């Protein structure tokens, strides 16, 4: 209510002996946030390499919501005082909870990302974090939900559709030459507003439609001549899915794009189904 207030950039050395000394003042050290925030620009050349600094700055900052004051008020004031350009944008994201609780060592509910990657794979973990946790809000991580999404969305829906279609197309000796794909205005707008989870929801709506049509068409029960047109059309749809997925799940997107273009070969299971 009182608006912006001045803040001190130093602390008493008697209370914080390990800080960086204030020039010409042996009784004080630099406030740790004043020191730390300078790393944004010192690491890209300021004030020594001006050409390198100008090639990078101003930039976009990403920080947690508990750093809002430091990033949006203190740091911008520091830049103004140094007559430097302000940050282009500051993205403040929320917290990740674990099964609805704040993660803490005392509760023993801290999630080890390396263990999750080893168990589910990098792209599967990326999928969960980008789809289930909104970029700008709090979100929850639950391994039971991770397991559910892996088997239902990744193994059953995406992996199964790619495997079934490429297996039949390879068997029939189909070759296709897909048109280059560019980002849609809809996906571009959602990206600009950081609604990354909305893009993945949209992609999976398309994956579900593809699966539904495959099940209804039953191409495995038809001759190569009868099913050819259907397989070519479905390969085109999966090619688009692969391109849309690439920014979020790079390895998976690359495999789908490569597997649905040119002389078709069977794509190995993208996400082998897991059992508890």
C-alpha atoms as a PDB file:
ATOM      1  CA  UNK A   1       0.000   0.000   0.000  1.00  0.00           C
ATOM      2  CA  UNK A   2       2.947   2.291   0.579  1.00  0.00           C
ATOM      3  CA  UNK A   3       4.410   1.754  -2.894  1.00  0.00           C
ATOM      4  CA  UNK A   4       8.043   0.953  -3.585  1.00  0.00           C
ATOM      5  CA  UNK A   5      10.453   1.417  -0.699  1.00  0.00           C
ATOM      6  CA  UNK A   6      14.198   1.966  -0.667  1.00  0.00           C
ATOM      7  CA  UNK A   7      16.318  -1.057   0.218  1.00  0.00           C
ATOM      8  CA  UNK A   8      19.807  -1.323   1.587  1.00  0.00           C
ATOM      9  CA  UNK A   9      22.453  -2.950  -0.600  1.00  0.00           C
ATOM     10  CA  UNK A  10      24.740  -3.799   2.329  1.00  0.00           C
ATOM     11  CA  UNK A  11      24.695  -5.723   5.610  1.00  0.00           C
ATOM     12  CA  UNK A  12      26.803  -5.494   8.767  1.00  0.00           C
ATOM     13  CA  UNK A  13      29.923  -7.605   8.435  1.00  0.00           C
ATOM     14  CA  UNK A  14      29.636  -8.557  12.119  1.00  0.00           C
ATOM     15  CA  UNK A  15      26.380 -10.373  11.283  1.00  0.00           C
ATOM     16  CA  UNK A  16      27.435 -11.711   7.866  1.00  0.00           C
ATOM     17  CA  UNK A  17      31.232 -12.110   7.824  1.00  0.00           C
ATOM     18  CA  UNK A  18      31.353 -14.201   4.639  1.00  0.00           C
ATOM     19  CA  UNK A  19      29.901 -11.543   2.300  1.00  0.00           C
ATOM     20  CA  UNK A  20      31.724  -9.505  -0.342  1.00  0.00           C
ATOM     21  CA  UNK A  21      33.290  -6.424   1.273  1.00  0.00           C
ATOM     22  CA  UNK A  22      31.812  -3.013   0.500  1.00  0.00           C
ATOM     23  CA  UNK A  23      34.561  -0.853  -1.047  1.00  0.00           C
ATOM     24  CA  UNK A  24      36.024   1.608   1.443  1.00  0.00           C
ATOM     25  CA  UNK A  25      33.779   0.337   4.257  1.00  0.00           C
ATOM     26  CA  UNK A  26      35.351  -2.455   6.335  1.00  0.00           C
ATOM     27  CA  UNK A  27      32.251  -2.762   8.555  1.00  0.00           C
ATOM     28  CA  UNK A  28      29.845  -3.790   5.784  1.00  0.00           C
ATOM     29  CA  UNK A  29      29.436  -6.493   3.142  1.00  0.00           C
ATOM     30  CA  UNK A  30      27.223  -6.480   0.055  1.00  0.00           C
ATOM     31  CA  UNK A  31      23.608  -7.641   0.415  1.00  0.00           C
ATOM     32  CA  UNK A  32      23.551 -11.127  -1.081  1.00  0.00           C
ATOM     33  CA  UNK A  33      20.688 -10.378  -3.491  1.00  0.00           C
ATOM     34  CA  UNK A  34      22.451  -7.282  -4.816  1.00  0.00           C
ATOM     35  CA  UNK A  35      25.502  -9.418  -5.483  1.00  0.00           C
ATOM     36  CA  UNK A  36      23.600 -12.402  -6.922  1.00  0.00           C
ATOM     37  CA  UNK A  37      21.374 -10.496  -9.349  1.00  0.00           C
ATOM     38  CA  UNK A  38      24.401  -8.959 -11.075  1.00  0.00           C
ATOM     39  CA  UNK A  39      25.248 -12.462 -12.345  1.00  0.00           C
ATOM     40  CA  UNK A  40      22.473 -12.071 -14.925  1.00  0.00           C
ATOM     41  CA  UNK A  41      24.645  -9.633 -16.844  1.00  0.00           C
ATOM     42  CA  UNK A  42      28.197 -10.266 -15.603  1.00  0.00           C
ATOM     43  CA  UNK A  43      28.059 -13.826 -16.935  1.00  0.00           C
ATOM     44  CA  UNK A  44      27.333 -12.517 -20.449  1.00  0.00           C
ATOM     45  CA  UNK A  45      30.178  -9.998 -20.513  1.00  0.00           C
ATOM     46  CA  UNK A  46      29.120  -6.862 -18.619  1.00  0.00           C
ATOM     47  CA  UNK A  47      30.970  -4.566 -18.038  1.00  0.00           C
ATOM     48  CA  UNK A  48      34.092  -5.946 -19.768  1.00  0.00           C
ATOM     49  CA  UNK A  49      32.867  -7.359 -23.088  1.00  0.00           C
ATOM     50  CA  UNK A  50      30.241  -4.891 -24.252  1.00  0.00           C
ATOM     51  CA  UNK A  51      29.732  -6.534 -27.661  1.00  0.00           C
ATOM     52  CA  UNK A  52      28.938  -9.918 -26.122  1.00  0.00           C
ATOM     53  CA  UNK A  53      26.733  -8.321 -23.484  1.00  0.00           C
ATOM     54  CA  UNK A  54      24.700  -6.414 -26.091  1.00  0.00           C
ATOM     55  CA  UNK A  55      24.236  -9.580 -28.154  1.00  0.00           C
ATOM     56  CA  UNK A  56      22.431 -11.209 -25.204  1.00  0.00           C
ATOM     57  CA  UNK A  57      20.818  -8.425 -23.206  1.00  0.00           C
ATOM     58  CA  UNK A  58      18.054  -7.506 -22.620  1.00  0.00           C
ATOM     59  CA  UNK A  59      16.708 -10.977 -21.942  1.00  0.00           C
ATOM     60  CA  UNK A  60      13.744 -12.864 -20.495  1.00  0.00           C
ATOM     61  CA  UNK A  61      14.034 -13.960 -16.851  1.00  0.00           C
ATOM     62  CA  UNK A  62      12.489 -17.057 -15.310  1.00  0.00           C
ATOM     63  CA  UNK A  63      12.001 -17.229 -11.543  1.00  0.00           C
ATOM     64  CA  UNK A  64       9.835 -18.759  -8.834  1.00  0.00           C
ATOM     65  CA  UNK A  65       7.033 -16.771  -7.229  1.00  0.00           C
ATOM     66  CA  UNK A  66       9.021 -16.469  -3.985  1.00  0.00           C
ATOM     67  CA  UNK A  67      11.519 -14.317  -5.942  1.00  0.00           C
ATOM     68  CA  UNK A  68       8.961 -11.851  -7.280  1.00  0.00           C
ATOM     69  CA  UNK A  69      10.186  -8.821  -5.306  1.00  0.00           C
ATOM     70  CA  UNK A  70      13.860  -9.434  -6.051  1.00  0.00           C
ATOM     71  CA  UNK A  71      13.369 -10.022  -9.770  1.00  0.00           C
ATOM     72  CA  UNK A  72      10.714  -7.462 -10.606  1.00  0.00           C
ATOM     73  CA  UNK A  73      11.518  -4.563  -8.293  1.00  0.00           C
ATOM     74  CA  UNK A  74      15.084  -4.752  -6.956  1.00  0.00           C
ATOM     75  CA  UNK A  75      16.779  -5.966 -10.116  1.00  0.00           C
ATOM     76  CA  UNK A  76      14.955  -3.516 -12.374  1.00  0.00           C
ATOM     77  CA  UNK A  77      15.920  -0.667 -10.018  1.00  0.00           C
ATOM     78  CA  UNK A  78      19.545  -1.806 -10.213  1.00  0.00           C
ATOM     79  CA  UNK A  79      19.410  -1.805 -14.013  1.00  0.00           C
ATOM     80  CA  UNK A  80      17.884   1.684 -14.042  1.00  0.00           C
ATOM     81  CA  UNK A  81      20.598   2.981 -11.727  1.00  0.00           C
ATOM     82  CA  UNK A  82      23.276   1.571 -14.055  1.00  0.00           C
ATOM     83  CA  UNK A  83      21.467   3.054 -17.099  1.00  0.00           C
ATOM     84  CA  UNK A  84      21.066  -0.401 -18.627  1.00  0.00           C
ATOM     85  CA  UNK A  85      18.052  -1.804 -20.524  1.00  0.00           C
ATOM     86  CA  UNK A  86      15.391  -3.440 -18.355  1.00  0.00           C
ATOM     87  CA  UNK A  87      14.529  -7.102 -18.677  1.00  0.00           C
ATOM     88  CA  UNK A  88      12.308  -7.866 -21.680  1.00  0.00           C
ATOM     89  CA  UNK A  89       9.990  -9.984 -19.591  1.00  0.00           C
ATOM     90  CA  UNK A  90       9.899 -11.727 -16.224  1.00  0.00           C
ATOM     91  CA  UNK A  91       8.201 -15.125 -16.127  1.00  0.00           C
ATOM     92  CA  UNK A  92       7.154 -16.037 -12.596  1.00  0.00           C
ATOM     93  CA  UNK A  93       6.223 -19.694 -12.202  1.00  0.00           C
ATOM     94  CA  UNK A  94       4.558 -21.521  -9.333  1.00  0.00           C
ATOM     95  CA  UNK A  95       5.697 -24.360  -7.079  1.00  0.00           C
ATOM     96  CA  UNK A  96       5.602 -28.112  -7.643  1.00  0.00           C
ATOM     97  CA  UNK A  97       3.999 -30.035  -4.796  1.00  0.00           C
ATOM     98  CA  UNK A  98       4.262 -33.772  -4.164  1.00  0.00           C
ATOM     99  CA  UNK A  99       0.938 -35.570  -3.740  1.00  0.00           C
ATOM    100  CA  UNK A 100      -0.615 -32.295  -2.670  1.00  0.00           C
ATOM    101  CA  UNK A 101       2.059 -31.427  -0.089  1.00  0.00           C
ATOM    102  CA  UNK A 102       5.012 -29.079  -0.141  1.00  0.00           C
ATOM    103  CA  UNK A 103       8.205 -31.013  -0.806  1.00  0.00           C
ATOM    104  CA  UNK A 104      10.543 -31.220   2.171  1.00  0.00           C
ATOM    105  CA  UNK A 105      13.264 -33.512   3.435  1.00  0.00           C
ATOM    106  CA  UNK A 106      11.543 -33.833   6.802  1.00  0.00           C
ATOM    107  CA  UNK A 107       8.388 -35.202   5.137  1.00  0.00           C
ATOM    108  CA  UNK A 108      10.472 -37.482   2.942  1.00  0.00           C
ATOM    109  CA  UNK A 109       8.408 -36.620  -0.134  1.00  0.00           C
ATOM    110  CA  UNK A 110      11.083 -35.022  -2.314  1.00  0.00           C
ATOM    111  CA  UNK A 111      10.941 -36.404  -5.861  1.00  0.00           C
ATOM    112  CA  UNK A 112      14.293 -37.319  -7.422  1.00  0.00           C
ATOM    113  CA  UNK A 113      14.031 -36.346 -11.113  1.00  0.00           C
ATOM    114  CA  UNK A 114      16.934 -38.617 -12.083  1.00  0.00           C
ATOM    115  CA  UNK A 115      15.091 -41.622 -10.699  1.00  0.00           C
ATOM    116  CA  UNK A 116      11.955 -40.658 -12.611  1.00  0.00           C
ATOM    117  CA  UNK A 117      13.954 -40.262 -15.838  1.00  0.00           C
ATOM    118  CA  UNK A 118      15.644 -43.617 -15.335  1.00  0.00           C
ATOM    119  CA  UNK A 119      12.281 -45.307 -14.826  1.00  0.00           C
ATOM    120  CA  UNK A 120      10.098 -43.515 -17.388  1.00  0.00           C
ATOM    121  CA  UNK A 121      12.527 -41.781 -19.771  1.00  0.00           C
ATOM    122  CA  UNK A 122      13.322 -38.118 -20.363  1.00  0.00           C
ATOM    123  CA  UNK A 123      10.504 -37.398 -22.810  1.00  0.00           C
ATOM    124  CA  UNK A 124       7.883 -39.013 -20.563  1.00  0.00           C
ATOM    125  CA  UNK A 125       8.953 -36.846 -17.622  1.00  0.00           C
ATOM    126  CA  UNK A 126       8.948 -33.760 -19.839  1.00  0.00           C
ATOM    127  CA  UNK A 127       5.435 -34.703 -20.964  1.00  0.00           C
ATOM    128  CA  UNK A 128       4.164 -34.923 -17.380  1.00  0.00           C
ATOM    129  CA  UNK A 129       5.735 -31.659 -16.235  1.00  0.00           C
ATOM    130  CA  UNK A 130       4.599 -29.692 -19.291  1.00  0.00           C
ATOM    131  CA  UNK A 131       1.097 -31.113 -19.468  1.00  0.00           C
ATOM    132  CA  UNK A 132       0.128 -31.534 -15.813  1.00  0.00           C
ATOM    133  CA  UNK A 133       1.827 -28.453 -14.334  1.00  0.00           C
ATOM    134  CA  UNK A 134       0.751 -25.032 -15.689  1.00  0.00           C
ATOM    135  CA  UNK A 135       3.688 -22.798 -16.535  1.00  0.00           C
ATOM    136  CA  UNK A 136       2.539 -19.882 -14.393  1.00  0.00           C
ATOM    137  CA  UNK A 137       0.732 -21.672 -11.556  1.00  0.00           C
ATOM    138  CA  UNK A 138       1.344 -24.319  -8.906  1.00  0.00           C
ATOM    139  CA  UNK A 139       1.129 -27.953  -9.954  1.00  0.00           C
ATOM    140  CA  UNK A 140       1.349 -31.368  -8.337  1.00  0.00           C
ATOM    141  CA  UNK A 141       3.572 -34.354  -9.060  1.00  0.00           C
ATOM    142  CA  UNK A 142       2.311 -37.814  -8.211  1.00  0.00           C
ATOM    143  CA  UNK A 143       4.077 -40.951  -9.380  1.00  0.00           C
ATOM    144  CA  UNK A 144       0.764 -42.777  -9.506  1.00  0.00           C
ATOM    145  CA  UNK A 145      -0.447 -40.132 -11.966  1.00  0.00           C
ATOM    146  CA  UNK A 146       2.875 -40.378 -13.838  1.00  0.00           C
ATOM    147  CA  UNK A 147       2.416 -44.135 -14.188  1.00  0.00           C
ATOM    148  CA  UNK A 148      -1.182 -43.686 -15.323  1.00  0.00           C
ATOM    149  CA  UNK A 149      -0.305 -41.099 -17.992  1.00  0.00           C
ATOM    150  CA  UNK A 150       2.669 -43.119 -19.218  1.00  0.00           C
ATOM    151  CA  UNK A 151       0.599 -46.219 -19.921  1.00  0.00           C
ATOM    152  CA  UNK A 152      -2.616 -44.536 -21.085  1.00  0.00           C
ATOM    153  CA  UNK A 153      -1.451 -41.490 -23.060  1.00  0.00           C
ATOM    154  CA  UNK A 154       2.060 -42.438 -24.137  1.00  0.00           C
ATOM    155  CA  UNK A 155       2.089 -46.232 -24.497  1.00  0.00           C
ATOM    156  CA  UNK A 156      -1.546 -46.936 -25.432  1.00  0.00           C
ATOM    157  CA  UNK A 157      -2.603 -43.866 -27.390  1.00  0.00           C
ATOM    158  CA  UNK A 158       0.488 -42.336 -28.997  1.00  0.00           C
ATOM    159  CA  UNK A 159       2.821 -45.324 -29.152  1.00  0.00           C
ATOM    160  CA  UNK A 160       0.152 -47.773 -30.240  1.00  0.00           C
ATOM    161  CA  UNK A 161      -1.151 -45.595 -33.073  1.00  0.00           C
ATOM    162  CA  UNK A 162       2.349 -44.971 -34.482  1.00  0.00           C
ATOM    163  CA  UNK A 163       3.293 -48.646 -34.198  1.00  0.00           C
ATOM    164  CA  UNK A 164       0.134 -49.998 -35.818  1.00  0.00           C
ATOM    165  CA  UNK A 165       0.162 -47.606 -38.772  1.00  0.00           C
ATOM    166  CA  UNK A 166       3.882 -47.814 -39.559  1.00  0.00           C
ATOM    167  CA  UNK A 167       3.847 -51.619 -39.237  1.00  0.00           C
ATOM    168  CA  UNK A 168       1.127 -51.919 -41.879  1.00  0.00           C
ATOM    169  CA  UNK A 169       2.637 -49.204 -44.101  1.00  0.00           C
ATOM    170  CA  UNK A 170       6.048 -50.909 -43.996  1.00  0.00           C
ATOM    171  CA  UNK A 171       4.443 -54.274 -44.790  1.00  0.00           C
ATOM    172  CA  UNK A 172       2.700 -52.721 -47.817  1.00  0.00           C
ATOM    173  CA  UNK A 173       5.861 -50.948 -49.033  1.00  0.00           C
ATOM    174  CA  UNK A 174       4.340 -47.468 -48.746  1.00  0.00           C
ATOM    175  CA  UNK A 175       6.434 -44.343 -49.356  1.00  0.00           C
ATOM    176  CA  UNK A 176       5.214 -40.810 -48.664  1.00  0.00           C
ATOM    177  CA  UNK A 177       6.763 -37.372 -49.084  1.00  0.00           C
ATOM    178  CA  UNK A 178       5.320 -35.061 -46.443  1.00  0.00           C
ATOM    179  CA  UNK A 179       5.074 -31.317 -46.893  1.00  0.00           C
ATOM    180  CA  UNK A 180       7.227 -29.162 -44.563  1.00  0.00           C
ATOM    181  CA  UNK A 181       5.368 -28.323 -41.374  1.00  0.00           C
ATOM    182  CA  UNK A 182       5.263 -24.896 -39.750  1.00  0.00           C
ATOM    183  CA  UNK A 183       3.865 -23.947 -36.359  1.00  0.00           C
ATOM    184  CA  UNK A 184       0.162 -23.096 -36.461  1.00  0.00           C
ATOM    185  CA  UNK A 185      -1.084 -19.654 -35.394  1.00  0.00           C
ATOM    186  CA  UNK A 186      -2.998 -21.368 -32.571  1.00  0.00           C
ATOM    187  CA  UNK A 187       0.093 -23.102 -31.176  1.00  0.00           C
ATOM    188  CA  UNK A 188       2.125 -19.911 -31.618  1.00  0.00           C
ATOM    189  CA  UNK A 189      -0.420 -17.879 -29.636  1.00  0.00           C
ATOM    190  CA  UNK A 190      -0.530 -20.465 -26.843  1.00  0.00           C
ATOM    191  CA  UNK A 191       3.282 -20.535 -26.714  1.00  0.00           C
ATOM    192  CA  UNK A 192       3.474 -16.751 -26.490  1.00  0.00           C
ATOM    193  CA  UNK A 193       1.063 -16.844 -23.537  1.00  0.00           C
ATOM    194  CA  UNK A 194       2.996 -19.753 -21.935  1.00  0.00           C
ATOM    195  CA  UNK A 195      -0.023 -22.087 -22.074  1.00  0.00           C
ATOM    196  CA  UNK A 196       2.196 -25.020 -22.974  1.00  0.00           C
ATOM    197  CA  UNK A 197      -0.088 -27.518 -21.265  1.00  0.00           C
ATOM    198  CA  UNK A 198      -2.938 -26.381 -23.527  1.00  0.00           C
ATOM    199  CA  UNK A 199      -0.892 -27.279 -26.612  1.00  0.00           C
ATOM    200  CA  UNK A 200      -0.270 -30.794 -25.299  1.00  0.00           C
ATOM    201  CA  UNK A 201      -3.962 -31.210 -24.457  1.00  0.00           C
ATOM    202  CA  UNK A 202      -4.770 -30.154 -28.029  1.00  0.00           C
ATOM    203  CA  UNK A 203      -2.230 -32.605 -29.472  1.00  0.00           C
ATOM    204  CA  UNK A 204      -3.695 -35.457 -27.439  1.00  0.00           C
ATOM    205  CA  UNK A 205      -7.196 -34.652 -28.602  1.00  0.00           C
ATOM    206  CA  UNK A 206      -5.877 -35.259 -32.116  1.00  0.00           C
ATOM    207  CA  UNK A 207      -4.083 -38.466 -31.055  1.00  0.00           C
ATOM    208  CA  UNK A 208      -7.324 -39.784 -29.549  1.00  0.00           C
ATOM    209  CA  UNK A 209      -9.183 -39.008 -32.798  1.00  0.00           C
ATOM    210  CA  UNK A 210      -6.532 -40.839 -34.821  1.00  0.00           C
ATOM    211  CA  UNK A 211      -6.782 -43.880 -32.569  1.00  0.00           C
ATOM    212  CA  UNK A 212     -10.558 -43.868 -32.754  1.00  0.00           C
ATOM    213  CA  UNK A 213     -10.526 -43.786 -36.556  1.00  0.00           C
ATOM    214  CA  UNK A 214      -7.909 -46.576 -36.691  1.00  0.00           C
ATOM    215  CA  UNK A 215     -10.062 -48.778 -34.470  1.00  0.00           C
ATOM    216  CA  UNK A 216     -13.173 -48.049 -36.544  1.00  0.00           C
ATOM    217  CA  UNK A 217     -11.425 -48.587 -39.877  1.00  0.00           C
ATOM    218  CA  UNK A 218      -9.605 -51.809 -38.849  1.00  0.00           C
ATOM    219  CA  UNK A 219      -6.982 -51.553 -41.635  1.00  0.00           C
ATOM    220  CA  UNK A 220      -5.360 -54.819 -40.498  1.00  0.00           C
ATOM    221  CA  UNK A 221      -8.450 -56.639 -41.766  1.00  0.00           C
ATOM    222  CA  UNK A 222      -8.231 -55.100 -45.256  1.00  0.00           C
ATOM    223  CA  UNK A 223      -6.079 -55.738 -48.306  1.00  0.00           C
ATOM    224  CA  UNK A 224      -3.067 -53.483 -49.050  1.00  0.00           C
ATOM    225  CA  UNK A 225      -4.904 -51.943 -52.003  1.00  0.00           C
ATOM    226  CA  UNK A 226      -8.026 -51.081 -49.976  1.00  0.00           C
ATOM    227  CA  UNK A 227      -6.206 -49.664 -46.940  1.00  0.00           C
ATOM    228  CA  UNK A 228      -3.485 -47.723 -48.773  1.00  0.00           C
ATOM    229  CA  UNK A 229      -5.312 -44.381 -48.950  1.00  0.00           C
ATOM    230  CA  UNK A 230      -6.289 -44.607 -45.288  1.00  0.00           C
ATOM    231  CA  UNK A 231      -2.706 -45.380 -44.192  1.00  0.00           C
ATOM    232  CA  UNK A 232      -1.269 -42.495 -46.234  1.00  0.00           C
ATOM    233  CA  UNK A 233      -3.782 -40.060 -44.699  1.00  0.00           C
ATOM    234  CA  UNK A 234      -3.043 -41.338 -41.185  1.00  0.00           C
ATOM    235  CA  UNK A 235       0.717 -41.100 -41.730  1.00  0.00           C
ATOM    236  CA  UNK A 236       0.212 -37.438 -42.645  1.00  0.00           C
ATOM    237  CA  UNK A 237      -1.748 -36.827 -39.437  1.00  0.00           C
ATOM    238  CA  UNK A 238       0.935 -38.556 -37.338  1.00  0.00           C
ATOM    239  CA  UNK A 239       3.647 -36.550 -39.127  1.00  0.00           C
ATOM    240  CA  UNK A 240       1.915 -33.359 -37.966  1.00  0.00           C
ATOM    241  CA  UNK A 241       1.598 -34.777 -34.427  1.00  0.00           C
ATOM    242  CA  UNK A 242       5.344 -35.517 -34.418  1.00  0.00           C
ATOM    243  CA  UNK A 243       6.186 -31.981 -35.499  1.00  0.00           C
ATOM    244  CA  UNK A 244       3.909 -30.433 -32.874  1.00  0.00           C
ATOM    245  CA  UNK A 245       5.419 -32.670 -30.189  1.00  0.00           C
ATOM    246  CA  UNK A 246       9.048 -31.906 -31.073  1.00  0.00           C
ATOM    247  CA  UNK A 247       9.461 -28.782 -28.890  1.00  0.00           C
ATOM    248  CA  UNK A 248       8.098 -30.670 -25.869  1.00  0.00           C
ATOM    249  CA  UNK A 249       9.346 -34.220 -26.449  1.00  0.00           C
ATOM    250  CA  UNK A 250      12.304 -33.860 -28.861  1.00  0.00           C
ATOM    251  CA  UNK A 251      13.335 -37.504 -29.170  1.00  0.00           C
ATOM    252  CA  UNK A 252       9.761 -38.753 -29.551  1.00  0.00           C
ATOM    253  CA  UNK A 253       8.868 -36.043 -32.054  1.00  0.00           C
ATOM    254  CA  UNK A 254      11.983 -36.792 -34.116  1.00  0.00           C
ATOM    255  CA  UNK A 255      11.205 -40.528 -34.221  1.00  0.00           C
ATOM    256  CA  UNK A 256       7.602 -39.922 -35.316  1.00  0.00           C
ATOM    257  CA  UNK A 257       8.573 -37.377 -37.995  1.00  0.00           C
ATOM    258  CA  UNK A 258      11.282 -39.666 -39.400  1.00  0.00           C
ATOM    259  CA  UNK A 259       9.046 -42.739 -39.195  1.00  0.00           C
ATOM    260  CA  UNK A 260       6.131 -41.195 -41.110  1.00  0.00           C
ATOM    261  CA  UNK A 261       8.066 -39.694 -44.015  1.00  0.00           C
ATOM    262  CA  UNK A 262       9.853 -41.299 -46.952  1.00  0.00           C
ATOM    263  CA  UNK A 263      10.002 -45.063 -47.303  1.00  0.00           C
ATOM    264  CA  UNK A 264       8.075 -46.227 -44.249  1.00  0.00           C
ATOM    265  CA  UNK A 265       9.688 -48.661 -41.820  1.00  0.00           C
ATOM    266  CA  UNK A 266       8.100 -49.999 -38.661  1.00  0.00           C
ATOM    267  CA  UNK A 267       8.704 -47.653 -35.731  1.00  0.00           C
ATOM    268  CA  UNK A 268       9.724 -49.618 -32.604  1.00  0.00           C
ATOM    269  CA  UNK A 269       7.543 -49.077 -29.488  1.00  0.00           C
ATOM    270  CA  UNK A 270       8.007 -45.457 -28.426  1.00  0.00           C
ATOM    271  CA  UNK A 271       6.910 -46.160 -24.842  1.00  0.00           C
ATOM    272  CA  UNK A 272       6.945 -49.836 -23.852  1.00  0.00           C
ATOM    273  CA  UNK A 273       4.046 -50.484 -21.508  1.00  0.00           C
ATOM    274  CA  UNK A 274       5.027 -50.653 -17.832  1.00  0.00           C
ATOM    275  CA  UNK A 275       3.667 -53.084 -15.247  1.00  0.00           C
ATOM    276  CA  UNK A 276       3.695 -52.447 -11.507  1.00  0.00           C
END
